[in-house]
N, C-alpha and C. Protein backbone atom coordinates (compact mmCIF):
# COMPACT_ATOMS: atom_id res chain seq x y z
N UNK A 1 -0.10 32.95 -43.59
CA UNK A 1 0.88 31.90 -43.69
C UNK A 1 1.64 32.24 -42.21
N UNK A 2 1.91 33.53 -41.53
CA UNK A 2 2.59 33.47 -40.47
C UNK A 2 1.64 32.93 -38.92
N UNK A 3 0.04 33.63 -39.45
CA UNK A 3 -0.44 33.03 -38.47
C UNK A 3 -1.06 31.55 -38.58
N UNK A 4 -0.99 30.55 -39.32
CA UNK A 4 -1.09 29.32 -39.22
C UNK A 4 0.06 28.57 -38.83
N UNK A 5 1.17 29.17 -39.09
CA UNK A 5 2.73 28.45 -38.59
C UNK A 5 2.66 28.65 -36.79
N UNK A 6 1.96 29.86 -36.75
CA UNK A 6 2.01 30.39 -35.51
C UNK A 6 0.78 29.45 -34.70
N UNK A 7 -0.27 29.06 -35.34
CA UNK A 7 -1.35 28.22 -34.73
C UNK A 7 -0.54 27.03 -34.50
N UNK A 8 0.18 26.52 -35.62
CA UNK A 8 0.57 25.27 -35.18
C UNK A 8 1.52 24.77 -34.31
N UNK A 9 2.52 25.91 -34.47
CA UNK A 9 3.51 25.49 -32.97
C UNK A 9 2.95 25.88 -31.87
N UNK A 10 2.07 26.45 -31.47
CA UNK A 10 1.18 26.99 -30.37
C UNK A 10 0.56 25.78 -30.00
N UNK A 11 0.17 25.05 -30.92
CA UNK A 11 -1.00 23.56 -30.92
C UNK A 11 -0.04 22.91 -30.54
N UNK A 12 1.55 22.49 -31.13
CA UNK A 12 2.34 21.34 -30.55
C UNK A 12 2.86 21.81 -28.91
N UNK A 13 3.14 23.04 -28.38
CA UNK A 13 3.52 22.94 -27.57
C UNK A 13 2.52 22.97 -26.45
N UNK A 14 1.38 23.25 -26.39
CA UNK A 14 0.31 23.09 -25.59
C UNK A 14 -0.01 21.82 -25.71
N UNK A 15 -0.08 20.28 -26.89
CA UNK A 15 0.31 19.43 -26.74
C UNK A 15 1.21 18.31 -25.36
N UNK A 16 2.68 19.33 -25.96
CA UNK A 16 3.41 18.83 -25.06
C UNK A 16 3.44 19.24 -23.22
N UNK A 17 2.94 20.23 -23.52
CA UNK A 17 2.88 20.57 -21.72
C UNK A 17 1.71 19.55 -21.37
N UNK A 18 0.99 19.36 -21.83
CA UNK A 18 -0.17 18.67 -21.06
C UNK A 18 0.71 17.08 -21.07
N UNK A 19 1.22 16.76 -21.61
CA UNK A 19 1.83 15.65 -21.59
C UNK A 19 2.86 15.20 -20.53
N UNK A 20 3.76 16.51 -20.10
CA UNK A 20 4.22 16.65 -18.78
C UNK A 20 3.93 16.07 -17.68
N UNK A 21 2.17 16.01 -17.39
CA UNK A 21 2.03 15.76 -15.92
C UNK A 21 1.69 14.43 -16.01
N UNK A 22 2.16 14.16 -14.53
CA UNK A 22 2.54 12.55 -14.39
C UNK A 22 1.20 11.94 -13.48
N UNK A 23 1.16 10.58 -13.53
CA UNK A 23 -0.31 10.18 -13.38
C UNK A 23 -0.71 10.56 -11.72
N UNK A 24 -1.58 11.23 -11.23
CA UNK A 24 -2.14 10.77 -10.32
C UNK A 24 -1.96 10.87 -9.44
N UNK A 25 -1.37 10.36 -8.10
CA UNK A 25 -1.34 9.47 -7.20
C UNK A 25 -2.74 9.40 -5.94
N UNK A 26 -3.68 8.64 -6.21
CA UNK A 26 -4.81 8.18 -5.53
C UNK A 26 -4.91 7.75 -4.43
N UNK A 27 -5.26 7.82 -2.83
CA UNK A 27 -5.45 7.57 -2.07
C UNK A 27 -6.45 7.09 -1.73
N UNK A 28 -6.64 5.55 -0.87
CA UNK A 28 -7.85 5.49 -0.50
C UNK A 28 -7.06 5.36 1.37
N UNK A 29 -8.30 5.98 1.64
CA UNK A 29 -8.33 6.29 3.31
C UNK A 29 -9.12 5.29 4.16
N UNK A 30 -8.54 4.51 5.13
CA UNK A 30 -8.91 3.13 5.70
C UNK A 30 -9.06 3.80 7.14
N UNK A 31 -10.01 3.95 7.79
CA UNK A 31 -10.42 4.47 8.92
C UNK A 31 -10.76 3.05 10.11
N UNK A 32 -9.82 2.71 10.79
CA UNK A 32 -10.56 1.76 11.97
C UNK A 32 -11.03 0.41 11.18
N UNK A 33 -10.75 0.04 10.17
CA UNK A 33 -11.23 -1.05 9.92
C UNK A 33 -10.48 -2.27 10.33
N UNK A 34 -10.94 -3.22 10.38
CA UNK A 34 -10.65 -4.71 11.34
C UNK A 34 -10.25 -5.80 10.18
N UNK A 35 -8.90 -6.02 9.86
CA UNK A 35 -8.13 -6.80 8.69
C UNK A 35 -7.63 -7.90 9.13
N UNK A 36 -6.92 -8.65 8.46
CA UNK A 36 -6.04 -9.55 8.52
C UNK A 36 -4.80 -9.15 9.01
N UNK A 37 -3.84 -9.75 9.10
CA UNK A 37 -2.63 -9.11 9.43
C UNK A 37 -1.55 -10.60 10.05
N UNK A 38 -0.51 -10.23 9.13
CA UNK A 38 0.52 -11.46 8.90
C UNK A 38 1.38 -11.13 8.05
N UNK A 39 2.34 -12.27 7.64
CA UNK A 39 3.47 -11.61 7.06
C UNK A 39 2.95 -11.86 5.40
N UNK A 40 3.60 -11.26 4.71
CA UNK A 40 2.81 -11.25 3.20
C UNK A 40 3.08 -12.65 2.41
N UNK A 41 4.63 -12.74 2.88
CA UNK A 41 5.18 -13.58 1.99
C UNK A 41 4.50 -15.36 2.35
N UNK A 42 4.44 -15.28 3.85
CA UNK A 42 4.31 -16.57 4.56
C UNK A 42 3.10 -16.82 4.78
N UNK A 43 2.17 -15.91 5.03
CA UNK A 43 0.94 -16.11 4.95
C UNK A 43 -0.29 -15.83 3.46
N UNK A 44 0.13 -14.63 3.03
CA UNK A 44 -0.54 -14.18 2.17
C UNK A 44 -0.19 -14.73 0.19
N UNK A 45 0.92 -15.11 0.62
CA UNK A 45 1.74 -15.72 -0.82
C UNK A 45 2.02 -14.52 -1.53
N UNK A 46 2.35 -13.54 -1.24
CA UNK A 46 2.89 -11.98 -1.79
C UNK A 46 4.42 -12.15 -2.23
N UNK A 47 4.97 -11.66 -3.48
CA UNK A 47 5.91 -11.88 -3.74
C UNK A 47 6.62 -10.81 -3.14
N UNK A 48 8.40 -11.03 -2.85
CA UNK A 48 8.95 -10.38 -2.13
C UNK A 48 10.06 -10.20 -1.45
N UNK A 49 10.88 -10.17 -1.12
CA UNK A 49 12.58 -10.62 -1.14
C UNK A 49 12.75 -10.77 0.82
N UNK A 50 11.53 -10.47 1.34
CA UNK A 50 11.95 -11.12 2.94
C UNK A 50 10.57 -10.87 3.28
N UNK A 51 10.56 -11.54 4.63
CA UNK A 51 9.06 -11.63 5.30
C UNK A 51 9.11 -9.87 5.48
N UNK A 52 7.64 -9.52 5.52
CA UNK A 52 7.41 -8.54 5.70
C UNK A 52 6.03 -8.25 5.90
N UNK A 53 5.70 -7.25 7.06
CA UNK A 53 3.97 -7.09 7.20
C UNK A 53 3.17 -6.84 6.04
N UNK A 54 2.40 -7.58 6.20
CA UNK A 54 0.84 -6.98 5.35
C UNK A 54 -0.35 -7.27 5.87
N UNK A 55 -1.32 -6.54 5.24
CA UNK A 55 -2.69 -6.41 5.79
C UNK A 55 -3.52 -6.88 4.39
N UNK A 56 -4.72 -7.68 4.80
CA UNK A 56 -5.59 -7.88 3.65
C UNK A 56 -6.50 -6.82 4.11
N UNK A 57 -7.26 -5.83 3.17
CA UNK A 57 -7.77 -5.32 3.10
C UNK A 57 -9.02 -5.60 1.94
N UNK A 58 -10.36 -5.62 2.57
CA UNK A 58 -11.40 -6.54 1.58
C UNK A 58 -10.62 -7.72 0.34
N UNK A 59 -10.12 -8.19 0.92
CA UNK A 59 -10.08 -9.36 0.13
C UNK A 59 -8.47 -9.19 -0.37
N UNK A 60 -7.79 -8.21 -0.19
CA UNK A 60 -6.72 -7.95 -1.45
C UNK A 60 -5.43 -7.66 -0.19
N UNK A 61 -3.97 -8.07 -0.51
CA UNK A 61 -2.78 -8.01 0.41
C UNK A 61 -2.33 -6.77 -0.03
N UNK A 62 -1.99 -6.08 1.33
CA UNK A 62 -1.07 -4.87 0.79
C UNK A 62 0.16 -4.92 1.67
N UNK A 63 1.29 -4.59 1.25
CA UNK A 63 2.32 -4.65 2.15
C UNK A 63 2.54 -3.34 2.92
N UNK A 64 3.06 -3.14 4.61
CA UNK A 64 2.81 -2.14 5.21
C UNK A 64 3.89 -1.17 5.26
N UNK A 65 3.92 -0.09 5.19
CA UNK A 65 4.80 0.92 5.28
C UNK A 65 4.30 1.79 6.88
N UNK A 66 5.57 1.96 7.33
CA UNK A 66 5.24 2.80 8.82
C UNK A 66 5.19 1.73 10.13
N UNK A 67 5.14 0.26 9.79
CA UNK A 67 5.48 -0.36 10.83
C UNK A 67 5.84 -1.59 10.22
N UNK A 68 6.79 -2.33 11.57
CA UNK A 68 7.70 -3.55 10.91
C UNK A 68 6.93 -4.83 11.33
N UNK A 69 7.54 -5.87 10.89
CA UNK A 69 7.11 -7.02 10.98
C UNK A 69 7.22 -7.63 12.24
N UNK A 70 8.61 -7.11 13.31
CA UNK A 70 8.43 -7.58 14.36
C UNK A 70 8.19 -6.52 15.65
N UNK A 71 7.43 -5.29 14.59
CA UNK A 71 7.34 -4.77 16.01
C UNK A 71 5.99 -4.85 16.80
N UNK A 72 5.06 -5.96 16.68
CA UNK A 72 4.45 -6.73 17.69
C UNK A 72 4.83 -8.47 18.27
N UNK A 73 6.52 -8.09 18.08
CA UNK A 73 7.15 -9.64 18.60
C UNK A 73 7.22 -10.39 17.69
N UNK A 74 8.20 -11.78 17.80
CA UNK A 74 8.96 -12.39 16.70
C UNK A 74 8.08 -12.73 16.21
N UNK A 75 8.32 -12.40 14.92
CA UNK A 75 7.38 -12.48 14.07
C UNK A 75 7.57 -14.26 13.38
N UNK A 76 8.86 -15.13 13.65
CA UNK A 76 9.29 -16.33 13.23
C UNK A 76 8.76 -16.80 14.74
N UNK A 77 8.19 -16.18 16.05
CA UNK A 77 8.01 -16.88 17.21
C UNK A 77 6.36 -18.08 16.48
N UNK A 78 6.40 -18.81 17.75
CA UNK A 78 4.66 -19.57 17.77
C UNK A 78 3.80 -18.94 16.93
N UNK A 79 3.39 -18.12 17.86
CA UNK A 79 2.31 -17.27 17.41
C UNK A 79 2.68 -15.70 16.61
N UNK A 80 3.95 -15.63 15.95
CA UNK A 80 4.34 -14.48 15.20
C UNK A 80 3.43 -14.75 13.91
N UNK A 81 3.54 -13.75 13.04
CA UNK A 81 2.99 -13.25 11.99
C UNK A 81 3.19 -14.19 10.62
N UNK A 82 4.63 -14.98 10.81
CA UNK A 82 4.98 -16.12 10.04
C UNK A 82 4.32 -17.18 10.21
N UNK A 83 3.39 -17.35 11.22
CA UNK A 83 3.45 -18.33 11.50
C UNK A 83 1.76 -18.64 11.84
N UNK A 84 1.15 -17.25 11.99
CA UNK A 84 -0.15 -17.42 11.89
C UNK A 84 -0.77 -16.21 11.55
N UNK A 85 -2.03 -15.76 11.25
CA UNK A 85 -2.79 -14.49 10.47
C UNK A 85 -3.75 -14.08 12.16
N UNK A 86 -3.35 -12.95 12.29
CA UNK A 86 -4.20 -12.35 13.29
C UNK A 86 -5.03 -11.39 13.07
N UNK A 87 -5.79 -10.76 13.74
CA UNK A 87 -6.71 -9.58 13.27
C UNK A 87 -6.21 -7.87 13.76
N UNK A 88 -6.09 -6.98 13.24
CA UNK A 88 -6.04 -5.97 13.92
C UNK A 88 -7.22 -5.11 13.11
N UNK A 89 -7.01 -3.88 13.87
CA UNK A 89 -7.62 -2.68 13.60
C UNK A 89 -6.66 -1.58 12.88
N UNK A 90 -6.99 -1.28 11.78
CA UNK A 90 -5.84 0.03 11.18
C UNK A 90 -6.77 1.21 10.47
N UNK A 91 -5.93 1.84 10.78
CA UNK A 91 -6.21 3.15 10.23
C UNK A 91 -5.25 3.75 9.53
N UNK A 92 -4.85 4.16 7.93
CA UNK A 92 -4.39 4.42 7.19
C UNK A 92 -4.68 5.28 5.70
N UNK A 93 -3.76 4.92 4.90
CA UNK A 93 -4.17 5.03 3.54
C UNK A 93 -3.40 3.68 2.26
N UNK A 94 -4.54 3.78 1.27
CA UNK A 94 -3.45 2.86 0.38
C UNK A 94 -3.13 3.78 -0.63
N UNK A 95 -1.67 3.95 -0.70
CA UNK A 95 -0.80 4.32 -2.00
C UNK A 95 -0.17 3.44 -2.51
N UNK A 96 -0.28 3.68 -3.98
CA UNK A 96 0.44 3.09 -5.01
C UNK A 96 0.86 1.57 -4.46
N UNK A 97 -0.66 1.24 -4.26
CA UNK A 97 -0.47 -0.61 -3.71
C UNK A 97 0.15 -1.19 -2.53
N UNK A 98 0.53 -0.02 -1.70
CA UNK A 98 1.01 -0.34 -0.49
C UNK A 98 0.15 0.33 0.68
N UNK A 99 0.10 -0.07 2.13
CA UNK A 99 -0.55 0.32 3.10
C UNK A 99 0.05 1.27 3.97
N UNK A 100 0.14 2.43 3.94
CA UNK A 100 0.86 3.67 4.68
C UNK A 100 0.09 3.72 6.28
N UNK A 101 0.72 3.16 7.17
CA UNK A 101 0.16 2.65 8.19
C UNK A 101 -0.12 4.01 9.08
N UNK A 102 -0.64 4.45 9.99
CA UNK A 102 -1.09 5.25 10.65
C UNK A 102 -1.23 5.05 12.13
N UNK A 103 -1.77 3.66 12.41
CA UNK A 103 -2.24 3.50 13.28
C UNK A 103 -2.56 1.68 13.10
N UNK A 104 -1.96 0.85 14.05
CA UNK A 104 -2.28 -0.42 13.84
C UNK A 104 -2.67 -0.91 15.46
N UNK A 105 -3.76 -1.14 15.41
CA UNK A 105 -4.13 -2.09 16.86
C UNK A 105 -4.01 -3.59 16.97
N UNK A 106 -3.48 -4.38 17.29
CA UNK A 106 -3.58 -5.57 17.24
C UNK A 106 -4.39 -6.10 18.09
N UNK A 107 -5.89 -7.02 17.91
CA UNK A 107 -7.05 -7.36 18.64
C UNK A 107 -6.82 -8.68 18.86
N UNK A 108 -6.38 -9.86 18.35
CA UNK A 108 -6.04 -11.25 18.77
C UNK A 108 -4.83 -11.86 18.24
N UNK A 109 -4.24 -12.52 19.22
CA UNK A 109 -3.16 -13.00 18.80
C UNK A 109 -3.43 -14.71 19.11
N UNK A 110 -3.33 -15.47 17.85
CA UNK A 110 -3.86 -16.86 18.04
C UNK A 110 -2.76 -17.86 19.31
N UNK A 111 -3.36 -18.70 19.85
CA UNK A 111 -2.77 -19.07 20.82
C UNK A 111 -2.48 -20.92 20.41
C-alpha cells in the first residue's frame, strides 16, 4: 500500500514539474533580406496606439524593435514612412511576432 501511495505522489509531482515549463520562444533569423518598410498603422493597417515603424517580411507585417520611425527622417514628411512605403535591407530576428532589428539599411526613398 505504501508503494502505491508513493508511486501516486511521485507521478503527480512529475506531472506538476513538467507543467512548470513555459512556452519556448522561437526566433526566426532574417539576414540581409529586402523588405517593405513603413508605418505599421498608416501603410500596413496594423493595430496599435501610435505611428510605429514596421516591416513586411514575406507578406506579413511586423512592428520593429530597435529602431524608431523617425530614425530615418520625419515620418510625417511628404516621403516619410507614414505617407510612403520604402524598401530596406534588414537583419534581425522575429520574436513574439515582432521584428528585433539589428540592422536596417534604407534602399530607396520614394520621391
